[in-house]
Amino acid sequence: MRRVHSYCGLALLFFIAMYAVSGAGIIHSSQLDLAPQIVTERVTLDVVGNPDGAELARYLAGKFGAHSRGEPTAVRENGRWIVSFIEPGGVVRFDVEPNLRSASMERRKGSLVQKLVALHKVSGFEGGLAYTAWGALVDMVSLAMVLFTVTGVYLWFVSTRDRRLGYAVLVASWGFTLAACIIHLAMT
């Protein structure tokens, strides 16, 4: 049981540290310089035919290596296509000329803290292999968190005779969790 508890704790170490840093980034975002680095360049295109938004997005993704979580957005504005690819910590936006021969490509790259904040907020499995792997990893870490808690309570229970302090901590933590859930529900 101690071995399971230790391995779960080691597996959680990186993720708890990452969530602590990204949570601090979310809370203290006004004090941190989180302005993205913006690089804009003019690119030439060799689009064949008159593609719809999805076909144009696939072409741009293949030619310029732009990736997106979920489907990229492609909207028409005044005869131009605006195609955006959203990824953790950044955005790639194309403003395509009506003749489909050139475009303005703007890449917004976030800092390490911004990327951690984006990972903090990612959920689900859609968006490609990297997102599916991240989702599966988060699920495994969640299972490790449950195992870590259960084995910790078990080890505490079987290794101590005077359990008053442990019960007090257990009741306080459940009370805090319940209060946080009630406050969250009241705010929504």
Protein backbone atom coordinates (compact mmCIF):
# COMPACT_ATOMS: atom_id res chain seq x y z
CA MET A 1 0.00 0.00 0.00
CA ARG A 2 2.88 2.39 0.81
CA ARG A 3 4.40 1.69 -2.60
CA VAL A 4 1.12 2.55 -4.41
CA HIS A 5 0.86 5.71 -2.31
CA SER A 6 4.47 6.69 -3.13
CA TYR A 7 4.17 6.06 -6.87
CA CYS A 8 0.90 8.00 -7.07
CA GLY A 9 2.54 10.88 -5.21
CA LEU A 10 5.50 10.90 -7.59
CA ALA A 11 3.18 10.81 -10.61
CA LEU A 12 1.24 13.77 -9.23
CA LEU A 13 4.29 15.88 -8.42
CA PHE A 14 4.76 17.39 -11.90
CA PHE A 15 1.06 18.03 -12.47
CA ILE A 16 0.47 19.62 -9.09
CA ALA A 17 3.48 21.88 -9.67
CA MET A 18 2.23 22.76 -13.17
CA TYR A 19 -1.26 23.53 -11.90
CA ALA A 20 0.18 25.61 -9.07
CA VAL A 21 2.25 27.72 -11.49
CA SER A 22 -0.56 28.06 -14.04
CA GLY A 23 -3.11 28.81 -11.30
CA ALA A 24 -0.83 31.54 -9.97
CA GLY A 25 -0.56 32.82 -13.55
CA ILE A 26 -4.34 33.00 -13.78
CA ILE A 27 -4.74 34.68 -10.39
CA HIS A 28 -1.90 37.18 -10.84
CA SER A 29 -2.28 37.81 -14.57
CA SER A 30 -2.63 41.56 -14.03
CA GLN A 31 0.81 41.73 -12.37
CA LEU A 32 2.55 39.51 -14.93
CA ASP A 33 3.55 40.64 -18.40
CA LEU A 34 1.41 38.27 -20.43
CA ALA A 35 1.42 40.25 -23.67
CA PRO A 36 1.89 37.83 -26.55
CA GLN A 37 4.73 38.14 -29.04
CA ILE A 38 3.15 39.11 -32.38
CA VAL A 39 4.88 38.37 -35.69
CA THR A 40 3.17 39.46 -38.91
CA GLU A 41 4.35 38.56 -42.39
CA ARG A 42 3.03 38.66 -45.93
CA VAL A 43 2.77 35.22 -47.56
CA THR A 44 2.01 34.14 -51.11
CA LEU A 45 -0.55 31.45 -51.81
CA ASP A 46 -1.08 29.09 -54.74
CA VAL A 47 -4.70 28.15 -54.11
CA VAL A 48 -6.41 26.28 -56.95
CA GLY A 49 -10.06 26.96 -57.68
CA ASN A 50 -12.52 28.63 -55.34
CA PRO A 51 -12.33 26.71 -52.03
CA ASP A 52 -14.79 27.02 -49.19
CA GLY A 53 -13.64 27.99 -45.70
CA ALA A 54 -12.84 24.44 -44.55
CA GLU A 55 -10.80 23.66 -47.69
CA LEU A 56 -8.89 26.94 -47.38
CA ALA A 57 -8.16 26.22 -43.70
CA ARG A 58 -6.82 22.74 -44.59
CA TYR A 59 -4.62 24.28 -47.30
CA LEU A 60 -3.22 26.93 -44.92
CA ALA A 61 -2.62 24.32 -42.19
CA GLY A 62 -0.69 22.11 -44.61
CA LYS A 63 1.38 24.88 -46.17
CA PHE A 64 2.24 26.87 -43.03
CA GLY A 65 2.07 24.25 -40.27
CA ALA A 66 -0.80 25.94 -38.45
CA HIS A 67 -2.64 23.64 -36.04
CA SER A 68 -5.82 24.18 -34.12
CA ARG A 69 -7.72 22.64 -31.29
CA GLY A 70 -10.99 21.68 -32.91
CA GLU A 71 -11.90 23.13 -36.27
CA PRO A 72 -10.21 26.37 -37.33
CA THR A 73 -12.60 29.24 -37.91
CA ALA A 74 -12.96 30.64 -41.42
CA VAL A 75 -15.26 33.61 -42.00
CA ARG A 76 -15.77 35.91 -44.94
CA GLU A 77 -15.41 39.65 -44.39
CA ASN A 78 -15.75 42.07 -47.32
CA GLY A 79 -14.72 39.38 -49.82
CA ARG A 80 -11.67 38.34 -47.74
CA TRP A 81 -11.24 35.14 -45.77
CA ILE A 82 -10.22 35.42 -42.12
CA VAL A 83 -8.93 32.01 -40.98
CA SER A 84 -7.86 31.49 -37.36
CA PHE A 85 -6.08 28.54 -35.76
CA ILE A 86 -6.18 28.47 -31.96
CA GLU A 87 -3.60 26.46 -30.00
CA PRO A 88 -2.48 26.53 -26.36
CA GLY A 89 -0.75 29.83 -25.73
CA GLY A 90 -1.11 31.18 -29.24
CA VAL A 91 -3.15 32.00 -32.31
CA VAL A 92 -2.31 31.96 -36.01
CA ARG A 93 -4.56 34.26 -38.05
CA PHE A 94 -4.63 34.58 -41.83
CA ASP A 95 -6.24 37.54 -43.61
CA VAL A 96 -6.56 36.18 -47.17
CA GLU A 97 -6.97 38.55 -50.12
CA PRO A 98 -10.12 38.09 -52.25
CA ASN A 99 -8.02 36.81 -55.21
CA LEU A 100 -6.55 34.05 -52.96
CA ARG A 101 -2.98 34.88 -54.10
CA SER A 102 -1.61 36.41 -50.89
CA ALA A 103 -2.40 36.77 -47.22
CA SER A 104 -1.24 38.47 -44.09
CA MET A 105 -0.21 35.83 -41.54
CA GLU A 106 -0.14 36.90 -37.90
CA ARG A 107 1.30 34.55 -35.26
CA ARG A 108 0.65 35.36 -31.60
CA LYS A 109 2.92 33.33 -29.36
CA GLY A 110 2.42 33.40 -25.64
CA SER A 111 4.99 33.19 -22.89
CA LEU A 112 5.63 29.99 -20.95
CA VAL A 113 3.15 31.14 -18.29
CA GLN A 114 0.50 31.74 -20.97
CA LYS A 115 1.06 28.25 -22.37
CA LEU A 116 0.75 26.75 -18.89
CA VAL A 117 -2.45 28.74 -18.33
CA ALA A 118 -3.79 27.41 -21.65
CA LEU A 119 -2.92 23.84 -20.61
CA HIS A 120 -4.64 24.53 -17.29
CA LYS A 121 -7.87 25.29 -19.18
CA VAL A 122 -7.72 22.55 -21.86
CA SER A 123 -10.40 19.90 -21.60
CA GLY A 124 -11.74 17.16 -23.81
CA PHE A 125 -10.16 14.93 -26.41
CA GLU A 126 -10.84 16.67 -29.72
CA GLY A 127 -8.16 18.57 -31.59
CA GLY A 128 -5.67 15.95 -32.68
CA LEU A 129 -3.23 13.47 -31.21
CA ALA A 130 -1.52 15.90 -28.83
CA TYR A 131 -4.85 16.92 -27.25
CA THR A 132 -6.02 13.32 -27.01
CA ALA A 133 -2.75 12.35 -25.31
CA TRP A 134 -3.05 15.33 -22.93
CA GLY A 135 -6.65 14.37 -22.09
CA ALA A 136 -5.66 10.74 -21.40
CA LEU A 137 -2.75 11.90 -19.24
CA VAL A 138 -5.02 14.19 -17.22
CA ASP A 139 -7.44 11.27 -16.73
CA MET A 140 -4.60 9.06 -15.47
CA VAL A 141 -3.43 11.81 -13.12
CA SER A 142 -6.99 12.15 -11.82
CA LEU A 143 -7.05 8.43 -11.09
CA ALA A 144 -3.65 8.74 -9.38
CA MET A 145 -5.07 11.58 -7.25
CA VAL A 146 -7.95 9.37 -6.10
CA LEU A 147 -5.58 6.46 -5.36
CA PHE A 148 -3.20 8.81 -3.53
CA THR A 149 -6.04 10.06 -1.34
CA VAL A 150 -7.53 6.62 -0.61
CA THR A 151 -4.16 5.02 0.17
CA GLY A 152 -3.18 8.02 2.31
CA VAL A 153 -6.34 7.76 4.41
CA TYR A 154 -5.87 4.00 4.72
CA LEU A 155 -2.22 4.31 5.77
CA TRP A 156 -3.12 7.00 8.29
CA PHE A 157 -5.94 4.89 9.72
CA VAL A 158 -3.90 1.70 10.17
CA SER A 159 -0.73 3.38 11.44
CA THR A 160 -2.08 5.65 14.22
CA ARG A 161 -3.91 4.95 17.42
CA ASP A 162 -4.91 8.49 18.32
CA ARG A 163 -6.91 9.62 15.32
CA ARG A 164 -8.46 12.83 16.66
CA LEU A 165 -6.15 15.19 14.73
CA GLY A 166 -6.61 13.15 11.55
CA TYR A 167 -10.39 13.24 11.90
CA ALA A 168 -10.27 17.00 12.47
CA VAL A 169 -8.19 17.52 9.32
CA LEU A 170 -10.43 15.17 7.32
CA VAL A 171 -13.63 16.94 8.48
CA ALA A 172 -12.07 20.38 7.85
CA SER A 173 -11.02 19.43 4.32
CA TRP A 174 -14.46 17.99 3.50
CA GLY A 175 -16.05 21.12 4.97
CA PHE A 176 -13.83 23.40 2.91
CA THR A 177 -14.60 21.43 -0.26
CA LEU A 178 -18.34 21.49 0.43
CA ALA A 179 -18.25 25.24 1.17
CA ALA A 180 -16.29 25.91 -2.06
CA CYS A 181 -18.84 23.89 -4.06
CA ILE A 182 -21.78 25.72 -2.48
CA ILE A 183 -20.19 29.13 -3.15
CA HIS A 184 -19.43 28.13 -6.73
CA LEU A 185 -23.01 26.95 -7.30
CA ALA A 186 -24.39 30.13 -5.73
CA MET A 187 -22.26 32.28 -8.07
CA THR A 188 -23.43 30.54 -11.25
